[in-house]
Amino acid sequence: IDFPLSNCINSGIDTVGVLTQYQPLMLNEYIGNGQPWDLDR
């Protein structure tokens, strides 16, 4: 998931909805507040 998230911020798109469903715990914890991708806005 780092690749599409990085593509977004590098492209100037700073509003991203991540749609989760199957086994979301690890993904939710990893993304957190979005700070590593400069997506904590």
PDB file of all heavy atoms in Angstrom:
ATOM      1  N   ILE A   1       0.816  -1.222   0.000  1.00  0.00           N
ATOM      2  CA  ILE A   1       0.000   0.000   0.000  1.00  0.00           C
ATOM      3  C   ILE A   1       0.848   1.269   0.000  1.00  0.00           C
ATOM      4  O   ILE A   1       0.367   2.355  -0.336  1.00  0.00           O
ATOM      5  CB  ILE A   1      -0.980   0.001   1.186  1.00  0.00           C
ATOM      6  CG1 ILE A   1      -2.108   1.007   0.910  1.00  0.00           C
ATOM      7  CG2 ILE A   1      -0.250   0.277   2.509  1.00  0.00           C
ATOM      8  CD1 ILE A   1      -3.290   0.887   1.838  1.00  0.00           C
ATOM      9  N   ASP A   2       2.129   1.162   0.368  1.00  0.00           N
ATOM     10  CA  ASP A   2       2.997   2.345   0.355  1.00  0.00           C
ATOM     11  C   ASP A   2       3.069   2.986  -1.028  1.00  0.00           C
ATOM     12  O   ASP A   2       3.253   4.204  -1.141  1.00  0.00           O
ATOM     13  CB  ASP A   2       4.423   1.967   0.774  1.00  0.00           C
ATOM     14  CG  ASP A   2       4.534   1.676   2.259  1.00  0.00           C
ATOM     15  OD1 ASP A   2       3.777   2.267   3.036  1.00  0.00           O
ATOM     16  OD2 ASP A   2       5.382   0.843   2.632  1.00  0.00           O
ATOM     17  N   PHE A   3       2.943   2.193  -2.074  1.00  0.00           N
ATOM     18  CA  PHE A   3       3.149   2.717  -3.431  1.00  0.00           C
ATOM     19  C   PHE A   3       2.002   3.609  -3.893  1.00  0.00           C
ATOM     20  O   PHE A   3       2.251   4.747  -4.310  1.00  0.00           O
ATOM     21  CB  PHE A   3       3.458   1.555  -4.382  1.00  0.00           C
ATOM     22  CG  PHE A   3       4.766   0.897  -4.030  1.00  0.00           C
ATOM     23  CD1 PHE A   3       4.832  -0.114  -3.086  1.00  0.00           C
ATOM     24  CD2 PHE A   3       5.952   1.351  -4.586  1.00  0.00           C
ATOM     25  CE1 PHE A   3       6.041  -0.675  -2.710  1.00  0.00           C
ATOM     26  CE2 PHE A   3       7.180   0.790  -4.223  1.00  0.00           C
ATOM     27  CZ  PHE A   3       7.217  -0.219  -3.277  1.00  0.00           C
ATOM     28  N   PRO A   4       0.740   3.185  -3.825  1.00  0.00           N
ATOM     29  CA  PRO A   4      -0.320   4.139  -4.194  1.00  0.00           C
ATOM     30  C   PRO A   4      -0.417   5.332  -3.250  1.00  0.00           C
ATOM     31  O   PRO A   4      -0.712   6.445  -3.694  1.00  0.00           O
ATOM     32  CB  PRO A   4      -1.596   3.285  -4.178  1.00  0.00           C
ATOM     33  CG  PRO A   4      -1.264   2.079  -3.376  1.00  0.00           C
ATOM     34  CD  PRO A   4       0.191   1.839  -3.584  1.00  0.00           C
ATOM     35  N   LEU A   5      -0.171   5.130  -1.948  1.00  0.00           N
ATOM     36  CA  LEU A   5      -0.213   6.267  -1.018  1.00  0.00           C
ATOM     37  C   LEU A   5       0.881   7.276  -1.351  1.00  0.00           C
ATOM     38  O   LEU A   5       0.643   8.497  -1.359  1.00  0.00           O
ATOM     39  CB  LEU A   5      -0.057   5.784   0.426  1.00  0.00           C
ATOM     40  CG  LEU A   5      -1.251   5.081   1.064  1.00  0.00           C
ATOM     41  CD1 LEU A   5      -0.914   4.623   2.484  1.00  0.00           C
ATOM     42  CD2 LEU A   5      -2.484   5.978   1.085  1.00  0.00           C
ATOM     43  N   SER A   6       2.083   6.793  -1.641  1.00  0.00           N
ATOM     44  CA  SER A   6       3.183   7.693  -2.002  1.00  0.00           C
ATOM     45  C   SER A   6       2.910   8.379  -3.324  1.00  0.00           C
ATOM     46  O   SER A   6       3.201   9.573  -3.494  1.00  0.00           O
ATOM     47  CB  SER A   6       4.498   6.904  -2.070  1.00  0.00           C
ATOM     48  OG  SER A   6       4.833   6.360  -0.800  1.00  0.00           O
ATOM     49  N   ASN A   7       2.344   7.638  -4.285  1.00  0.00           N
ATOM     50  CA  ASN A   7       1.988   8.246  -5.568  1.00  0.00           C
ATOM     51  C   ASN A   7       1.011   9.402  -5.372  1.00  0.00           C
ATOM     52  O   ASN A   7       1.097  10.436  -6.040  1.00  0.00           O
ATOM     53  CB  ASN A   7       1.369   7.202  -6.500  1.00  0.00           C
ATOM     54  CG  ASN A   7       2.378   6.208  -7.043  1.00  0.00           C
ATOM     55  OD1 ASN A   7       3.585   6.460  -7.043  1.00  0.00           O
ATOM     56  ND2 ASN A   7       1.896   5.068  -7.511  1.00  0.00           N
ATOM     57  N   CYS A   8       0.057   9.228  -4.457  1.00  0.00           N
ATOM     58  CA  CYS A   8      -0.927  10.288  -4.211  1.00  0.00           C
ATOM     59  C   CYS A   8      -0.256  11.558  -3.710  1.00  0.00           C
ATOM     60  O   CYS A   8      -0.441  12.633  -4.291  1.00  0.00           O
ATOM     61  CB  CYS A   8      -1.978   9.812  -3.199  1.00  0.00           C
ATOM     62  SG  CYS A   8      -3.225   8.700  -3.886  1.00  0.00           S
ATOM     63  N   ILE A   9       0.508  11.452  -2.635  1.00  0.00           N
ATOM     64  CA  ILE A   9       1.090  12.670  -2.061  1.00  0.00           C
ATOM     65  C   ILE A   9       2.118  13.280  -2.998  1.00  0.00           C
ATOM     66  O   ILE A   9       2.234  14.501  -3.110  1.00  0.00           O
ATOM     67  CB  ILE A   9       1.685  12.392  -0.653  1.00  0.00           C
ATOM     68  CG1 ILE A   9       1.871  13.708   0.094  1.00  0.00           C
ATOM     69  CG2 ILE A   9       2.943  11.579  -0.721  1.00  0.00           C
ATOM     70  CD1 ILE A   9       0.597  14.462   0.399  1.00  0.00           C
ATOM     71  N   ASN A  10       2.866  12.447  -3.722  1.00  0.00           N
ATOM     72  CA  ASN A  10       3.837  12.970  -4.691  1.00  0.00           C
ATOM     73  C   ASN A  10       3.155  13.660  -5.868  1.00  0.00           C
ATOM     74  O   ASN A  10       3.766  14.491  -6.543  1.00  0.00           O
ATOM     75  CB  ASN A  10       4.738  11.849  -5.210  1.00  0.00           C
ATOM     76  CG  ASN A  10       5.681  11.310  -4.145  1.00  0.00           C
ATOM     77  OD1 ASN A  10       5.929  11.969  -3.133  1.00  0.00           O
ATOM     78  ND2 ASN A  10       6.211  10.110  -4.360  1.00  0.00           N
ATOM     79  N   SER A  11       1.890  13.303  -6.110  1.00  0.00           N
ATOM     80  CA  SER A  11       1.116  13.912  -7.206  1.00  0.00           C
ATOM     81  C   SER A  11       0.302  15.112  -6.752  1.00  0.00           C
ATOM     82  O   SER A  11      -0.471  15.672  -7.530  1.00  0.00           O
ATOM     83  CB  SER A  11       0.169  12.866  -7.817  1.00  0.00           C
ATOM     84  OG  SER A  11       0.869  11.733  -8.283  1.00  0.00           O
ATOM     85  N   GLY A  12       0.438  15.484  -5.474  1.00  0.00           N
ATOM     86  CA  GLY A  12      -0.298  16.636  -4.969  1.00  0.00           C
ATOM     87  C   GLY A  12      -1.713  16.322  -4.534  1.00  0.00           C
ATOM     88  O   GLY A  12      -2.529  17.235  -4.333  1.00  0.00           O
ATOM     89  N   ILE A  13      -2.035  15.036  -4.370  1.00  0.00           N
ATOM     90  CA  ILE A  13      -3.375  14.637  -3.909  1.00  0.00           C
ATOM     91  C   ILE A  13      -3.266  14.274  -2.437  1.00  0.00           C
ATOM     92  O   ILE A  13      -2.608  13.290  -2.070  1.00  0.00           O
ATOM     93  CB  ILE A  13      -3.909  13.447  -4.734  1.00  0.00           C
ATOM     94  CG1 ILE A  13      -4.082  13.870  -6.193  1.00  0.00           C
ATOM     95  CG2 ILE A  13      -5.234  12.934  -4.166  1.00  0.00           C
ATOM     96  CD1 ILE A  13      -4.381  12.728  -7.152  1.00  0.00           C
ATOM     97  N   ASP A  14      -3.898  15.083  -1.578  1.00  0.00           N
ATOM     98  CA  ASP A  14      -3.697  14.923  -0.139  1.00  0.00           C
ATOM     99  C   ASP A  14      -4.950  14.492   0.612  1.00  0.00           C
ATOM    100  O   ASP A  14      -5.012  14.570   1.839  1.00  0.00           O
ATOM    101  CB  ASP A  14      -3.148  16.215   0.468  1.00  0.00           C
ATOM    102  CG  ASP A  14      -4.099  17.395   0.330  1.00  0.00           C
ATOM    103  OD1 ASP A  14      -5.262  17.186  -0.090  1.00  0.00           O
ATOM    104  OD2 ASP A  14      -3.687  18.533   0.623  1.00  0.00           O
ATOM    105  N   THR A  15      -5.956  14.012  -0.127  1.00  0.00           N
ATOM    106  CA  THR A  15      -7.167  13.500   0.503  1.00  0.00           C
ATOM    107  C   THR A  15      -7.433  12.102  -0.045  1.00  0.00           C
ATOM    108  O   THR A  15      -7.726  11.940  -1.227  1.00  0.00           O
ATOM    109  CB  THR A  15      -8.369  14.416   0.222  1.00  0.00           C
ATOM    110  OG1 THR A  15      -8.042  15.748   0.634  1.00  0.00           O
ATOM    111  CG2 THR A  15      -9.602  13.934   0.979  1.00  0.00           C
ATOM    112  N   VAL A  16      -7.280  11.101   0.822  1.00  0.00           N
ATOM    113  CA  VAL A  16      -7.336   9.703   0.385  1.00  0.00           C
ATOM    114  C   VAL A  16      -8.227   8.906   1.331  1.00  0.00           C
ATOM    115  O   VAL A  16      -8.003   8.888   2.543  1.00  0.00           O
ATOM    116  CB  VAL A  16      -5.929   9.062   0.362  1.00  0.00           C
ATOM    117  CG1 VAL A  16      -6.012   7.643  -0.203  1.00  0.00           C
ATOM    118  CG2 VAL A  16      -4.946   9.911  -0.434  1.00  0.00           C
ATOM    119  N   GLY A  17      -9.225   8.239   0.775  1.00  0.00           N
ATOM    120  CA  GLY A  17     -10.028   7.292   1.537  1.00  0.00           C
ATOM    121  C   GLY A  17      -9.530   5.889   1.248  1.00  0.00           C
ATOM    122  O   GLY A  17      -9.436   5.500   0.086  1.00  0.00           O
ATOM    123  N   VAL A  18      -9.182   5.147   2.288  1.00  0.00           N
ATOM    124  CA  VAL A  18      -8.696   3.769   2.126  1.00  0.00           C
ATOM    125  C   VAL A  18      -9.812   2.817   2.544  1.00  0.00           C
ATOM    126  O   VAL A  18     -10.193   2.774   3.719  1.00  0.00           O
ATOM    127  CB  VAL A  18      -7.425   3.517   2.962  1.00  0.00           C
ATOM    128  CG1 VAL A  18      -6.954   2.079   2.796  1.00  0.00           C
ATOM    129  CG2 VAL A  18      -6.322   4.492   2.562  1.00  0.00           C
ATOM    130  N   LEU A  19     -10.336   2.069   1.595  1.00  0.00           N
ATOM    131  CA  LEU A  19     -11.486   1.205   1.839  1.00  0.00           C
ATOM    132  C   LEU A  19     -10.998  -0.181   2.242  1.00  0.00           C
ATOM    133  O   LEU A  19     -10.396  -0.894   1.427  1.00  0.00           O
ATOM    134  CB  LEU A  19     -12.372   1.122   0.594  1.00  0.00           C
ATOM    135  CG  LEU A  19     -13.244   2.348   0.306  1.00  0.00           C
ATOM    136  CD1 LEU A  19     -12.407   3.561  -0.102  1.00  0.00           C
ATOM    137  CD2 LEU A  19     -14.257   2.048  -0.786  1.00  0.00           C
ATOM    138  N   THR A  20     -11.233  -0.551   3.490  1.00  0.00           N
ATOM    139  CA  THR A  20     -10.769  -1.834   3.999  1.00  0.00           C
ATOM    140  C   THR A  20     -11.960  -2.738   4.290  1.00  0.00           C
ATOM    141  O   THR A  20     -13.078  -2.267   4.529  1.00  0.00           O
ATOM    142  CB  THR A  20      -9.946  -1.659   5.287  1.00  0.00           C
ATOM    143  OG1 THR A  20     -10.777  -1.095   6.300  1.00  0.00           O
ATOM    144  CG2 THR A  20      -8.748  -0.748   5.046  1.00  0.00           C
ATOM    145  N   GLN A  21     -11.709  -4.035   4.297  1.00  0.00           N
ATOM    146  CA  GLN A  21     -12.759  -4.986   4.646  1.00  0.00           C
ATOM    147  C   GLN A  21     -12.155  -6.270   5.203  1.00  0.00           C
ATOM    148  O   GLN A  21     -12.340  -6.592   6.372  1.00  0.00           O
ATOM    149  CB  GLN A  21     -13.642  -5.287   3.432  1.00  0.00           C
ATOM    150  CG  GLN A  21     -14.760  -6.297   3.713  1.00  0.00           C
ATOM    151  CD  GLN A  21     -15.903  -6.201   2.709  1.00  0.00           C
ATOM    152  OE1 GLN A  21     -16.756  -5.321   2.798  1.00  0.00           O
ATOM    153  NE2 GLN A  21     -15.908  -7.112   1.755  1.00  0.00           N
ATOM    154  N   TYR A  22     -11.397  -7.004   4.386  1.00  0.00           N
ATOM    155  CA  TYR A  22     -10.823  -8.276   4.828  1.00  0.00           C
ATOM    156  C   TYR A  22      -9.635  -8.041   5.762  1.00  0.00           C
ATOM    157  O   TYR A  22      -8.712  -7.300   5.427  1.00  0.00           O
ATOM    158  CB  TYR A  22     -10.372  -9.089   3.599  1.00  0.00           C
ATOM    159  CG  TYR A  22      -9.604 -10.350   3.931  1.00  0.00           C
ATOM    160  CD1 TYR A  22     -10.283 -11.507   4.325  1.00  0.00           C
ATOM    161  CD2 TYR A  22      -8.220 -10.387   3.875  1.00  0.00           C
ATOM    162  CE1 TYR A  22      -9.588 -12.657   4.636  1.00  0.00           C
ATOM    163  CE2 TYR A  22      -7.514 -11.538   4.178  1.00  0.00           C
ATOM    164  CZ  TYR A  22      -8.205 -12.671   4.568  1.00  0.00           C
ATOM    165  OH  TYR A  22      -7.503 -13.804   4.882  1.00  0.00           O
ATOM    166  N   GLN A  23      -9.652  -8.652   6.939  1.00  0.00           N
ATOM    167  CA  GLN A  23      -8.554  -8.611   7.908  1.00  0.00           C
ATOM    168  C   GLN A  23      -7.885  -7.225   7.961  1.00  0.00           C
ATOM    169  O   GLN A  23      -6.711  -7.053   7.615  1.00  0.00           O
ATOM    170  CB  GLN A  23      -7.500  -9.670   7.535  1.00  0.00           C
ATOM    171  CG  GLN A  23      -7.991 -11.101   7.624  1.00  0.00           C
ATOM    172  CD  GLN A  23      -8.039 -11.623   9.052  1.00  0.00           C
ATOM    173  OE1 GLN A  23      -7.922 -10.868  10.011  1.00  0.00           O
ATOM    174  NE2 GLN A  23      -8.227 -12.921   9.206  1.00  0.00           N
ATOM    175  N   PRO A  24      -8.617  -6.196   8.416  1.00  0.00           N
ATOM    176  CA  PRO A  24      -8.097  -4.827   8.314  1.00  0.00           C
ATOM    177  C   PRO A  24      -7.149  -4.396   9.432  1.00  0.00           C
ATOM    178  O   PRO A  24      -6.563  -3.324   9.348  1.00  0.00           O
ATOM    179  CB  PRO A  24      -9.373  -3.989   8.364  1.00  0.00           C
ATOM    180  CG  PRO A  24     -10.299  -4.786   9.243  1.00  0.00           C
ATOM    181  CD  PRO A  24      -9.994  -6.237   8.933  1.00  0.00           C
ATOM    182  N   LEU A  25      -6.987  -5.204  10.494  1.00  0.00           N
ATOM    183  CA  LEU A  25      -6.264  -4.736  11.667  1.00  0.00           C
ATOM    184  C   LEU A  25      -4.852  -4.254  11.345  1.00  0.00           C
ATOM    185  O   LEU A  25      -4.450  -3.144  11.717  1.00  0.00           O
ATOM    186  CB  LEU A  25      -6.204  -5.850  12.727  1.00  0.00           C
ATOM    187  CG  LEU A  25      -5.469  -5.482  14.021  1.00  0.00           C
ATOM    188  CD1 LEU A  25      -6.156  -4.310  14.717  1.00  0.00           C
ATOM    189  CD2 LEU A  25      -5.408  -6.697  14.952  1.00  0.00           C
ATOM    190  N   MET A  26      -4.063  -5.080  10.653  1.00  0.00           N
ATOM    191  CA  MET A  26      -2.683  -4.719  10.336  1.00  0.00           C
ATOM    192  C   MET A  26      -2.626  -3.457   9.479  1.00  0.00           C
ATOM    193  O   MET A  26      -1.807  -2.560   9.705  1.00  0.00           O
ATOM    194  CB  MET A  26      -1.997  -5.870   9.607  1.00  0.00           C
ATOM    195  CG  MET A  26      -0.581  -5.563   9.119  1.00  0.00           C
ATOM    196  SD  MET A  26       0.626  -5.462  10.433  1.00  0.00           S
ATOM    197  CE  MET A  26       0.828  -7.205  10.805  1.00  0.00           C
ATOM    198  N   LEU A  27      -3.522  -3.365   8.500  1.00  0.00           N
ATOM    199  CA  LEU A  27      -3.539  -2.212   7.603  1.00  0.00           C
ATOM    200  C   LEU A  27      -3.911  -0.941   8.363  1.00  0.00           C
ATOM    201  O   LEU A  27      -3.283   0.109   8.187  1.00  0.00           O
ATOM    202  CB  LEU A  27      -4.533  -2.467   6.469  1.00  0.00           C
ATOM    203  CG  LEU A  27      -4.331  -1.708   5.162  1.00  0.00           C
ATOM    204  CD1 LEU A  27      -2.944  -1.926   4.597  1.00  0.00           C
ATOM    205  CD2 LEU A  27      -5.387  -2.124   4.148  1.00  0.00           C
ATOM    206  N   ASN A  28      -4.918  -1.041   9.226  1.00  0.00           N
ATOM    207  CA  ASN A  28      -5.325   0.125  10.021  1.00  0.00           C
ATOM    208  C   ASN A  28      -4.184   0.613  10.903  1.00  0.00           C
ATOM    209  O   ASN A  28      -3.916   1.817  10.997  1.00  0.00           O
ATOM    210  CB  ASN A  28      -6.527  -0.229  10.896  1.00  0.00           C
ATOM    211  CG  ASN A  28      -7.780  -0.513  10.088  1.00  0.00           C
ATOM    212  OD1 ASN A  28      -7.773  -0.406   8.867  1.00  0.00           O
ATOM    213  ND2 ASN A  28      -8.846  -0.892  10.763  1.00  0.00           N
ATOM    214  N   GLU A  29      -3.515  -0.323  11.566  1.00  0.00           N
ATOM    215  CA  GLU A  29      -2.420   0.041  12.453  1.00  0.00           C
ATOM    216  C   GLU A  29      -1.261   0.651  11.665  1.00  0.00           C
ATOM    217  O   GLU A  29      -0.636   1.623  12.098  1.00  0.00           O
ATOM    218  CB  GLU A  29      -1.932  -1.194  13.213  1.00  0.00           C
ATOM    219  CG  GLU A  29      -0.790  -0.905  14.176  1.00  0.00           C
ATOM    220  CD  GLU A  29      -0.266  -2.152  14.857  1.00  0.00           C
ATOM    221  OE1 GLU A  29      -0.384  -3.245  14.270  1.00  0.00           O
ATOM    222  OE2 GLU A  29       0.281  -2.031  15.955  1.00  0.00           O
ATOM    223  N   TYR A  30      -0.981   0.076  10.497  1.00  0.00           N
ATOM    224  CA  TYR A  30       0.150   0.538   9.693  1.00  0.00           C
ATOM    225  C   TYR A  30      -0.074   1.958   9.181  1.00  0.00           C
ATOM    226  O   TYR A  30       0.807   2.817   9.259  1.00  0.00           O
ATOM    227  CB  TYR A  30       0.382  -0.416   8.519  1.00  0.00           C
ATOM    228  CG  TYR A  30       1.579  -0.053   7.679  1.00  0.00           C
ATOM    229  CD1 TYR A  30       2.867  -0.258   8.144  1.00  0.00           C
ATOM    230  CD2 TYR A  30       1.423   0.499   6.404  1.00  0.00           C
ATOM    231  CE1 TYR A  30       3.981   0.072   7.384  1.00  0.00           C
ATOM    232  CE2 TYR A  30       2.522   0.831   5.636  1.00  0.00           C
ATOM    233  CZ  TYR A  30       3.799   0.619   6.129  1.00  0.00           C
ATOM    234  OH  TYR A  30       4.895   0.956   5.368  1.00  0.00           O
ATOM    235  N   ILE A  31      -1.265   2.224   8.662  1.00  0.00           N
ATOM    236  CA  ILE A  31      -1.552   3.558   8.110  1.00  0.00           C
ATOM    237  C   ILE A  31      -1.647   4.599   9.229  1.00  0.00           C
ATOM    238  O   ILE A  31      -1.108   5.708   9.106  1.00  0.00           O
ATOM    239  CB  ILE A  31      -2.844   3.535   7.279  1.00  0.00           C
ATOM    240  CG1 ILE A  31      -2.644   2.658   6.026  1.00  0.00           C
ATOM    241  CG2 ILE A  31      -3.248   4.945   6.854  1.00  0.00           C
ATOM    242  CD1 ILE A  31      -3.911   2.413   5.240  1.00  0.00           C
ATOM    243  N   GLY A  32      -2.303   4.230  10.310  1.00  0.00           N
ATOM    244  CA  GLY A  32      -2.410   5.150  11.449  1.00  0.00           C
ATOM    245  C   GLY A  32      -2.966   6.502  11.039  1.00  0.00           C
ATOM    246  O   GLY A  32      -3.973   6.607  10.340  1.00  0.00           O
ATOM    247  N   ASN A  33      -2.274   7.566  11.456  1.00  0.00           N
ATOM    248  CA  ASN A  33      -2.740   8.920  11.120  1.00  0.00           C
ATOM    249  C   ASN A  33      -2.192   9.423   9.791  1.00  0.00           C
ATOM    250  O   ASN A  33      -2.421  10.570   9.407  1.00  0.00           O
ATOM    251  CB  ASN A  33      -2.368   9.903  12.238  1.00  0.00           C
ATOM    252  CG  ASN A  33      -0.857  10.113  12.349  1.00  0.00           C
ATOM    253  OD1 ASN A  33      -0.067   9.421  11.698  1.00  0.00           O
ATOM    254  ND2 ASN A  33      -0.447  11.062  13.185  1.00  0.00           N
ATOM    255  N   GLY A  34      -1.434   8.572   9.081  1.00  0.00           N
ATOM    256  CA  GLY A  34      -0.933   8.949   7.761  1.00  0.00           C
ATOM    257  C   GLY A  34       0.334   9.768   7.754  1.00  0.00           C
ATOM    258  O   GLY A  34       0.784  10.216   6.695  1.00  0.00           O
ATOM    259  N   GLN A  35       0.942   9.961   8.919  1.00  0.00           N
ATOM    260  CA  GLN A  35       2.106  10.850   9.017  1.00  0.00           C
ATOM    261  C   GLN A  35       3.268  10.467   8.098  1.00  0.00           C
ATOM    262  O   GLN A  35       3.875  11.358   7.474  1.00  0.00           O
ATOM    263  CB  GLN A  35       2.562  10.928  10.484  1.00  0.00           C
ATOM    264  CG  GLN A  35       3.697  11.903  10.737  1.00  0.00           C
ATOM    265  CD  GLN A  35       5.069  11.264  10.544  1.00  0.00           C
ATOM    266  OE1 GLN A  35       5.210  10.046  10.751  1.00  0.00           O
ATOM    267  NE2 GLN A  35       6.055  12.044  10.142  1.00  0.00           N
ATOM    268  N   PRO A  36       3.625   9.172   7.952  1.00  0.00           N
ATOM    269  CA  PRO A  36       4.780   8.844   7.092  1.00  0.00           C
ATOM    270  C   PRO A  36       4.613   9.296   5.638  1.00  0.00           C
ATOM    271  O   PRO A  36       5.600   9.516   4.933  1.00  0.00           O
ATOM    272  CB  PRO A  36       4.865   7.313   7.180  1.00  0.00           C
ATOM    273  CG  PRO A  36       4.220   6.978   8.476  1.00  0.00           C
ATOM    274  CD  PRO A  36       3.104   7.973   8.624  1.00  0.00           C
ATOM    275  N   TRP A  37       3.362   9.431   5.185  1.00  0.00           N
ATOM    276  CA  TRP A  37       3.090   9.835   3.799  1.00  0.00           C
ATOM    277  C   TRP A  37       2.685  11.319   3.720  1.00  0.00           C
ATOM    278  O   TRP A  37       2.200  11.764   2.678  1.00  0.00           O
ATOM    279  CB  TRP A  37       1.973   8.962   3.214  1.00  0.00           C
ATOM    280  CG  TRP A  37       2.300   7.505   3.316  1.00  0.00           C
ATOM    281  CD1 TRP A  37       2.980   6.737   2.400  1.00  0.00           C
ATOM    282  CD2 TRP A  37       1.981   6.630   4.407  1.00  0.00           C
ATOM    283  NE1 TRP A  37       3.108   5.455   2.869  1.00  0.00           N
ATOM    284  CE2 TRP A  37       2.515   5.358   4.098  1.00  0.00           C
ATOM    285  CE3 TRP A  37       1.318   6.797   5.619  1.00  0.00           C
ATOM    286  CZ2 TRP A  37       2.382   4.264   4.951  1.00  0.00           C
ATOM    287  CZ3 TRP A  37       1.192   5.712   6.468  1.00  0.00           C
ATOM    288  CH2 TRP A  37       1.717   4.458   6.132  1.00  0.00           C
ATOM    289  N   ASP A  38       2.863  12.056   4.811  1.00  0.00           N
ATOM    290  CA  ASP A  38       2.437  13.457   4.892  1.00  0.00           C
ATOM    291  C   ASP A  38       0.940  13.579   4.624  1.00  0.00           C
ATOM    292  O   ASP A  38       0.474  14.511   3.966  1.00  0.00           O
ATOM    293  CB  ASP A  38       3.236  14.323   3.898  1.00  0.00           C
ATOM    294  CG  ASP A  38       3.060  15.818   4.153  1.00  0.00           C
ATOM    295  OD1 ASP A  38       2.731  16.179   5.294  1.00  0.00           O
ATOM    296  OD2 ASP A  38       3.236  16.610   3.203  1.00  0.00           O
ATOM    297  N   LEU A  39       0.183  12.608   5.142  1.00  0.00           N
ATOM    298  CA  LEU A  39      -1.261  12.610   4.954  1.00  0.00           C
ATOM    299  C   LEU A  39      -1.995  12.805   6.278  1.00  0.00           C
ATOM    300  O   LEU A  39      -3.148  12.399   6.433  1.00  0.00           O
ATOM    301  CB  LEU A  39      -1.713  11.307   4.278  1.00  0.00           C
ATOM    302  CG  LEU A  39      -1.350  11.181   2.799  1.00  0.00           C
ATOM    303  CD1 LEU A  39      -1.616   9.766   2.289  1.00  0.00           C
ATOM    304  CD2 LEU A  39      -2.117  12.194   1.945  1.00  0.00           C
ATOM    305  N   ASP A  40      -1.331  13.429   7.244  1.00  0.00           N
ATOM    306  CA  ASP A  40      -1.991  13.784   8.508  1.00  0.00           C
ATOM    307  C   ASP A  40      -2.415  15.249   8.424  1.00  0.00           C
ATOM    308  O   ASP A  40      -1.714  16.143   8.879  1.00  0.00           O
ATOM    309  CB  ASP A  40      -1.065  13.522   9.702  1.00  0.00           C
ATOM    310  CG  ASP A  40       0.316  14.151   9.533  1.00  0.00           C
ATOM    311  OD1 ASP A  40       0.724  14.421   8.388  1.00  0.00           O
ATOM    312  OD2 ASP A  40       0.988  14.386  10.554  1.00  0.00           O
ATOM    313  N   ARG A  41      -3.565  15.482   7.825  1.00  0.00           N
ATOM    314  CA  ARG A  41      -4.039  16.838   7.531  1.00  0.00           C
ATOM    315  C   ARG A  41      -5.278  17.182   8.345  1.00  0.00           C
ATOM    316  O   ARG A  41      -6.097  16.309   8.662  1.00  0.00           O
ATOM    317  CB  ARG A  41      -4.375  16.957   6.036  1.00  0.00           C
ATOM    318  CG  ARG A  41      -3.240  16.563   5.077  1.00  0.00           C
ATOM    319  CD  ARG A  41      -2.064  17.496   5.184  1.00  0.00           C
ATOM    320  NE  ARG A  41      -0.959  17.136   4.312  1.00  0.00           N
ATOM    321  CZ  ARG A  41      -0.683  17.741   3.158  1.00  0.00           C
ATOM    322  NH1 ARG A  41      -1.455  18.723   2.731  1.00  0.00           N
ATOM    323  NH2 ARG A  41       0.363  17.367   2.448  1.00  0.00           N
TER     324      ARG A  41
END
